[in-house]
Amino acid sequence: MKRESKQQIISELHEKLKAAKAVFLADFRGMNVVQATQLRNELRNASVEYKVVKNTLLELASRETGKESLSAHFTGPTAIAFSYDDPVAAAKVLSRFAKEKNAIFKLKAGVLSGKPLSVADIQSLSDLPSRDVLLAKLLGTMNAPITSFVGTLAAVPAAFVRALDAIRAKKEGN
C-alpha cells in the first residue's frame, strides 16, 4: 500500500472517529463471508458504519479524537463500528450478533461520548430501549402534569355549569 493511500485512510478514519458518538471494536476471527455480510446489513439498517481496519492505521487515526482509550484493544483482527446517531441501536445489533456467534465474533471494547466502555457496559447499553422509545417516554412524562392541570381547569367551569343547570331545573320544577 502506498504511503499516500495510507495517509488518506488514516485521515478518513480520524474524521470518522471524531464525528462518531460511539465506537465499538470487535474481534471477527473465523467469520465467513455470509456472516460478515449479514452483520454489515444489520448494522447498515441501524445506521452504523462497519469497517475492518489494520491496527497500526487505527492507532495513528485515533490520536486526538477522544477515542484514544481504545488503543489497548488494537490487537488481533479488529473490526470497528461507528455510530453517528443512536449508540443503543449499534450496541443491540453487535451484542446480539456476539451472543449468536460467540465462537467467531467477540466484542472487545467501545467508547461512548469519550467514555470507555467494557464488554459488560456494551451489553448494558444494548438492554436500554431505543432512542425513539426513550423520547416517547420522556414526552409522556412531560405531558402528564400538563394534561392533569388542563383536566383540573376544565373541571371547575364544568362543575359550575352543572350547578347552574341544577338550580335551573329546581326553579322550573317549582
C-alpha atoms as a PDB file:
ATOM      1  CA  MET A   1       0.000   0.000   0.000  1.00  0.00           C
ATOM      2  CA  LYS A   2       1.389   3.382  -0.950  1.00  0.00           C
ATOM      3  CA  ARG A   3       2.155   5.994   1.660  1.00  0.00           C
ATOM      4  CA  GLU A   4      -0.366   8.465   0.147  1.00  0.00           C
ATOM      5  CA  SER A   5      -3.225   5.946   0.334  1.00  0.00           C
ATOM      6  CA  LYS A   6      -2.306   5.055   3.937  1.00  0.00           C
ATOM      7  CA  GLN A   7      -2.369   8.752   4.843  1.00  0.00           C
ATOM      8  CA  GLN A   8      -5.767   9.104   3.173  1.00  0.00           C
ATOM      9  CA  ILE A   9      -7.143   6.105   5.112  1.00  0.00           C
ATOM     10  CA  ILE A  10      -5.736   7.496   8.364  1.00  0.00           C
ATOM     11  CA  SER A  11      -7.278  10.925   7.789  1.00  0.00           C
ATOM     12  CA  GLU A  12     -10.668   9.386   6.856  1.00  0.00           C
ATOM     13  CA  LEU A  13     -10.607   7.182   9.962  1.00  0.00           C
ATOM     14  CA  HIS A  14      -9.565  10.178  12.084  1.00  0.00           C
ATOM     15  CA  GLU A  15     -12.572  12.199  10.874  1.00  0.00           C
ATOM     16  CA  LYS A  16     -14.945   9.271  11.405  1.00  0.00           C
ATOM     17  CA  LEU A  17     -13.632   8.719  14.929  1.00  0.00           C
ATOM     18  CA  LYS A  18     -14.090  12.409  15.745  1.00  0.00           C
ATOM     19  CA  ALA A  19     -17.620  12.514  14.312  1.00  0.00           C
ATOM     20  CA  ALA A  20     -18.913   9.286  15.867  1.00  0.00           C
ATOM     21  CA  LYS A  21     -20.970   9.433  19.059  1.00  0.00           C
ATOM     22  CA  ALA A  22     -19.981   5.855  19.814  1.00  0.00           C
ATOM     23  CA  VAL A  23     -17.325   3.479  18.524  1.00  0.00           C
ATOM     24  CA  PHE A  24     -17.233  -0.272  19.113  1.00  0.00           C
ATOM     25  CA  LEU A  25     -14.377  -2.718  18.487  1.00  0.00           C
ATOM     26  CA  ALA A  26     -14.773  -6.423  17.805  1.00  0.00           C
ATOM     27  CA  ASP A  27     -12.672  -9.469  17.022  1.00  0.00           C
ATOM     28  CA  PHE A  28     -14.160 -11.188  13.972  1.00  0.00           C
ATOM     29  CA  ARG A  29     -11.796 -14.171  13.812  1.00  0.00           C
ATOM     30  CA  GLY A  30     -13.396 -17.062  11.947  1.00  0.00           C
ATOM     31  CA  MET A  31     -16.315 -15.211  10.341  1.00  0.00           C
ATOM     32  CA  ASN A  32     -17.182 -16.314   6.836  1.00  0.00           C
ATOM     33  CA  VAL A  33     -18.375 -14.021   4.039  1.00  0.00           C
ATOM     34  CA  VAL A  34     -22.059 -14.810   4.561  1.00  0.00           C
ATOM     35  CA  GLN A  35     -21.884 -13.973   8.277  1.00  0.00           C
ATOM     36  CA  ALA A  36     -19.900 -10.797   7.646  1.00  0.00           C
ATOM     37  CA  THR A  37     -22.423  -9.689   5.009  1.00  0.00           C
ATOM     38  CA  GLN A  38     -25.308 -10.420   7.378  1.00  0.00           C
ATOM     39  CA  LEU A  39     -23.672  -8.313  10.117  1.00  0.00           C
ATOM     40  CA  ARG A  40     -22.894  -5.447   7.727  1.00  0.00           C
ATOM     41  CA  ASN A  41     -26.511  -5.388   6.508  1.00  0.00           C
ATOM     42  CA  GLU A  42     -27.916  -5.360  10.057  1.00  0.00           C
ATOM     43  CA  LEU A  43     -25.539  -2.565  11.054  1.00  0.00           C
ATOM     44  CA  ARG A  44     -26.328  -0.582   7.907  1.00  0.00           C
ATOM     45  CA  ASN A  45     -30.051  -0.830   8.747  1.00  0.00           C
ATOM     46  CA  ALA A  46     -29.217   0.607  12.189  1.00  0.00           C
ATOM     47  CA  SER A  47     -27.275   3.499  10.537  1.00  0.00           C
ATOM     48  CA  VAL A  48     -23.943   2.142  11.733  1.00  0.00           C
ATOM     49  CA  GLU A  49     -20.772   2.059   9.644  1.00  0.00           C
ATOM     50  CA  TYR A  50     -18.658  -1.099   9.953  1.00  0.00           C
ATOM     51  CA  LYS A  51     -15.073  -1.493   8.773  1.00  0.00           C
ATOM     52  CA  VAL A  52     -12.179  -3.886   9.110  1.00  0.00           C
ATOM     53  CA  VAL A  53      -9.040  -1.864   9.706  1.00  0.00           C
ATOM     54  CA  LYS A  54      -5.355  -2.508  10.289  1.00  0.00           C
ATOM     55  CA  ASN A  55      -4.457  -1.870  13.917  1.00  0.00           C
ATOM     56  CA  THR A  56      -1.464   0.335  13.061  1.00  0.00           C
ATOM     57  CA  LEU A  57      -3.625   2.628  10.915  1.00  0.00           C
ATOM     58  CA  LEU A  58      -6.309   2.724  13.583  1.00  0.00           C
ATOM     59  CA  GLU A  59      -3.706   3.577  16.228  1.00  0.00           C
ATOM     60  CA  LEU A  60      -2.491   6.543  14.194  1.00  0.00           C
ATOM     61  CA  ALA A  61      -6.011   7.690  13.310  1.00  0.00           C
ATOM     62  CA  SER A  62      -7.288   7.582  16.899  1.00  0.00           C
ATOM     63  CA  ARG A  63      -4.869  10.205  18.173  1.00  0.00           C
ATOM     64  CA  GLU A  64      -6.540  13.421  19.388  1.00  0.00           C
ATOM     65  CA  THR A  65     -10.061  12.133  18.760  1.00  0.00           C
ATOM     66  CA  GLY A  66     -11.231  11.412  22.305  1.00  0.00           C
ATOM     67  CA  LYS A  67     -11.201   7.701  21.450  1.00  0.00           C
ATOM     68  CA  GLU A  68      -7.569   7.043  22.432  1.00  0.00           C
ATOM     69  CA  SER A  69      -8.698   4.703  25.236  1.00  0.00           C
ATOM     70  CA  LEU A  70      -9.408   2.080  22.574  1.00  0.00           C
ATOM     71  CA  SER A  71      -5.727   1.731  21.656  1.00  0.00           C
ATOM     72  CA  ALA A  72      -5.192  -1.000  24.257  1.00  0.00           C
ATOM     73  CA  HIS A  73      -7.586  -3.160  22.240  1.00  0.00           C
ATOM     74  CA  PHE A  74      -5.871  -2.746  18.857  1.00  0.00           C
ATOM     75  CA  THR A  75      -4.633  -6.344  18.789  1.00  0.00           C
ATOM     76  CA  GLY A  76      -5.594  -9.245  16.584  1.00  0.00           C
ATOM     77  CA  PRO A  77      -8.185  -8.864  13.840  1.00  0.00           C
ATOM     78  CA  THR A  78     -10.095  -5.656  14.534  1.00  0.00           C
ATOM     79  CA  ALA A  79     -13.427  -4.538  13.161  1.00  0.00           C
ATOM     80  CA  ILE A  80     -14.743  -1.118  14.084  1.00  0.00           C
ATOM     81  CA  ALA A  81     -18.337   0.098  14.138  1.00  0.00           C
ATOM     82  CA  PHE A  82     -19.061   3.846  14.018  1.00  0.00           C
ATOM     83  CA  SER A  83     -22.406   5.036  15.372  1.00  0.00           C
ATOM     84  CA  TYR A  84     -23.194   8.631  14.483  1.00  0.00           C
ATOM     85  CA  ASP A  85     -26.821   8.754  15.692  1.00  0.00           C
ATOM     86  CA  ASP A  86     -28.126   6.073  18.053  1.00  0.00           C
ATOM     87  CA  PRO A  87     -25.450   4.178  20.006  1.00  0.00           C
ATOM     88  CA  VAL A  88     -28.093   1.913  21.562  1.00  0.00           C
ATOM     89  CA  ALA A  89     -29.089   0.544  18.144  1.00  0.00           C
ATOM     90  CA  ALA A  90     -25.465  -0.264  17.338  1.00  0.00           C
ATOM     91  CA  ALA A  91     -24.930  -1.914  20.732  1.00  0.00           C
ATOM     92  CA  LYS A  92     -28.089  -4.003  20.258  1.00  0.00           C
ATOM     93  CA  VAL A  93     -27.007  -5.353  16.861  1.00  0.00           C
ATOM     94  CA  LEU A  94     -23.410  -6.033  17.929  1.00  0.00           C
ATOM     95  CA  SER A  95     -24.365  -7.637  21.267  1.00  0.00           C
ATOM     96  CA  ARG A  96     -26.990  -9.879  19.691  1.00  0.00           C
ATOM     97  CA  PHE A  97     -24.565 -10.946  16.962  1.00  0.00           C
ATOM     98  CA  ALA A  98     -21.839 -11.615  19.544  1.00  0.00           C
ATOM     99  CA  LYS A  99     -24.259 -13.814  21.554  1.00  0.00           C
ATOM    100  CA  GLU A 100     -25.335 -15.756  18.472  1.00  0.00           C
ATOM    101  CA  LYS A 101     -21.821 -16.175  17.048  1.00  0.00           C
ATOM    102  CA  ASN A 102     -19.866 -16.357  20.294  1.00  0.00           C
ATOM    103  CA  ALA A 103     -17.082 -18.541  18.902  1.00  0.00           C
ATOM    104  CA  ILE A 104     -16.296 -16.311  15.924  1.00  0.00           C
ATOM    105  CA  PHE A 105     -17.341 -12.753  16.854  1.00  0.00           C
ATOM    106  CA  LYS A 106     -16.385 -11.131  20.144  1.00  0.00           C
ATOM    107  CA  LEU A 107     -16.794  -7.564  21.293  1.00  0.00           C
ATOM    108  CA  LYS A 108     -13.568  -6.007  22.566  1.00  0.00           C
ATOM    109  CA  ALA A 109     -14.464  -2.544  23.847  1.00  0.00           C
ATOM    110  CA  GLY A 110     -16.153   0.697  22.969  1.00  0.00           C
ATOM    111  CA  VAL A 111     -16.289   4.428  23.592  1.00  0.00           C
ATOM    112  CA  LEU A 112     -19.456   6.459  24.113  1.00  0.00           C
ATOM    113  CA  SER A 113     -19.158  10.249  24.230  1.00  0.00           C
ATOM    114  CA  GLY A 114     -15.484   9.963  25.171  1.00  0.00           C
ATOM    115  CA  LYS A 115     -16.044   7.434  27.982  1.00  0.00           C
ATOM    116  CA  PRO A 116     -14.542   3.945  27.635  1.00  0.00           C
ATOM    117  CA  LEU A 117     -16.958   1.011  27.595  1.00  0.00           C
ATOM    118  CA  SER A 118     -16.189  -2.558  28.590  1.00  0.00           C
ATOM    119  CA  VAL A 119     -17.968  -5.513  27.002  1.00  0.00           C
ATOM    120  CA  ALA A 120     -20.330  -5.583  30.023  1.00  0.00           C
ATOM    121  CA  ASP A 121     -21.061  -1.866  29.500  1.00  0.00           C
ATOM    122  CA  ILE A 122     -21.897  -2.513  25.848  1.00  0.00           C
ATOM    123  CA  GLN A 123     -24.253  -5.332  26.917  1.00  0.00           C
ATOM    124  CA  SER A 124     -25.943  -2.963  29.403  1.00  0.00           C
ATOM    125  CA  LEU A 125     -26.256  -0.315  26.707  1.00  0.00           C
ATOM    126  CA  SER A 126     -27.896  -2.861  24.407  1.00  0.00           C
ATOM    127  CA  ASP A 127     -30.518  -3.588  27.079  1.00  0.00           C
ATOM    128  CA  LEU A 128     -31.749   0.023  27.001  1.00  0.00           C
ATOM    129  CA  PRO A 129     -34.824   0.892  24.949  1.00  0.00           C
ATOM    130  CA  SER A 130     -34.176   2.599  21.612  1.00  0.00           C
ATOM    131  CA  ARG A 131     -33.839   6.367  21.355  1.00  0.00           C
ATOM    132  CA  ASP A 132     -37.371   6.734  19.957  1.00  0.00           C
ATOM    133  CA  VAL A 133     -38.883   4.759  22.846  1.00  0.00           C
ATOM    134  CA  LEU A 134     -36.923   6.806  25.400  1.00  0.00           C
ATOM    135  CA  LEU A 135     -38.072  10.067  23.772  1.00  0.00           C
ATOM    136  CA  ALA A 136     -41.691   8.864  23.768  1.00  0.00           C
ATOM    137  CA  LYS A 137     -41.450   8.018  27.472  1.00  0.00           C
ATOM    138  CA  LEU A 138     -39.907  11.409  28.203  1.00  0.00           C
ATOM    139  CA  LEU A 139     -42.655  13.220  26.304  1.00  0.00           C
ATOM    140  CA  GLY A 140     -45.314  11.188  28.101  1.00  0.00           C
ATOM    141  CA  THR A 141     -43.764  12.108  31.441  1.00  0.00           C
ATOM    142  CA  MET A 142     -43.577  15.772  30.469  1.00  0.00           C
ATOM    143  CA  ASN A 143     -47.193  15.813  29.211  1.00  0.00           C
ATOM    144  CA  ALA A 144     -48.715  14.115  32.271  1.00  0.00           C
ATOM    145  CA  PRO A 145     -48.687  17.179  34.578  1.00  0.00           C
ATOM    146  CA  ILE A 146     -49.954  19.438  31.791  1.00  0.00           C
ATOM    147  CA  THR A 147     -52.786  17.036  30.940  1.00  0.00           C
ATOM    148  CA  SER A 148     -53.718  16.773  34.611  1.00  0.00           C
ATOM    149  CA  PHE A 149     -53.662  20.557  35.004  1.00  0.00           C
ATOM    150  CA  VAL A 150     -55.875  21.064  31.936  1.00  0.00           C
ATOM    151  CA  GLY A 151     -58.302  18.465  33.281  1.00  0.00           C
ATOM    152  CA  THR A 152     -58.457  20.291  36.612  1.00  0.00           C
ATOM    153  CA  LEU A 153     -59.020  23.631  34.915  1.00  0.00           C
ATOM    154  CA  ALA A 154     -61.781  22.171  32.747  1.00  0.00           C
ATOM    155  CA  ALA A 155     -63.483  20.586  35.794  1.00  0.00           C
ATOM    156  CA  VAL A 156     -64.104  23.921  37.552  1.00  0.00           C
ATOM    157  CA  PRO A 157     -66.274  25.507  34.822  1.00  0.00           C
ATOM    158  CA  ALA A 158     -67.976  22.156  34.162  1.00  0.00           C
ATOM    159  CA  ALA A 159     -68.960  21.864  37.843  1.00  0.00           C
ATOM    160  CA  PHE A 160     -70.219  25.460  37.785  1.00  0.00           C
ATOM    161  CA  VAL A 161     -72.347  24.763  34.695  1.00  0.00           C
ATOM    162  CA  ARG A 162     -73.793  21.605  36.314  1.00  0.00           C
ATOM    163  CA  ALA A 163     -74.641  23.603  39.458  1.00  0.00           C
ATOM    164  CA  LEU A 164     -76.394  26.283  37.369  1.00  0.00           C
ATOM    165  CA  ASP A 165     -78.270  23.579  35.466  1.00  0.00           C
ATOM    166  CA  ALA A 166     -79.399  22.009  38.762  1.00  0.00           C
ATOM    167  CA  ILE A 167     -80.641  25.408  40.021  1.00  0.00           C
ATOM    168  CA  ARG A 168     -82.493  25.973  36.716  1.00  0.00           C
ATOM    169  CA  ALA A 169     -84.088  22.532  36.915  1.00  0.00           C
ATOM    170  CA  LYS A 170     -85.151  23.152  40.527  1.00  0.00           C
ATOM    171  CA  LYS A 171     -86.718  26.548  39.684  1.00  0.00           C
ATOM    172  CA  GLU A 172     -88.576  25.043  36.715  1.00  0.00           C
ATOM    173  CA  GLY A 173     -89.846  22.275  38.959  1.00  0.00           C
ATOM    174  CA  ASN A 174     -91.379  24.739  41.481  1.00  0.00           C
END
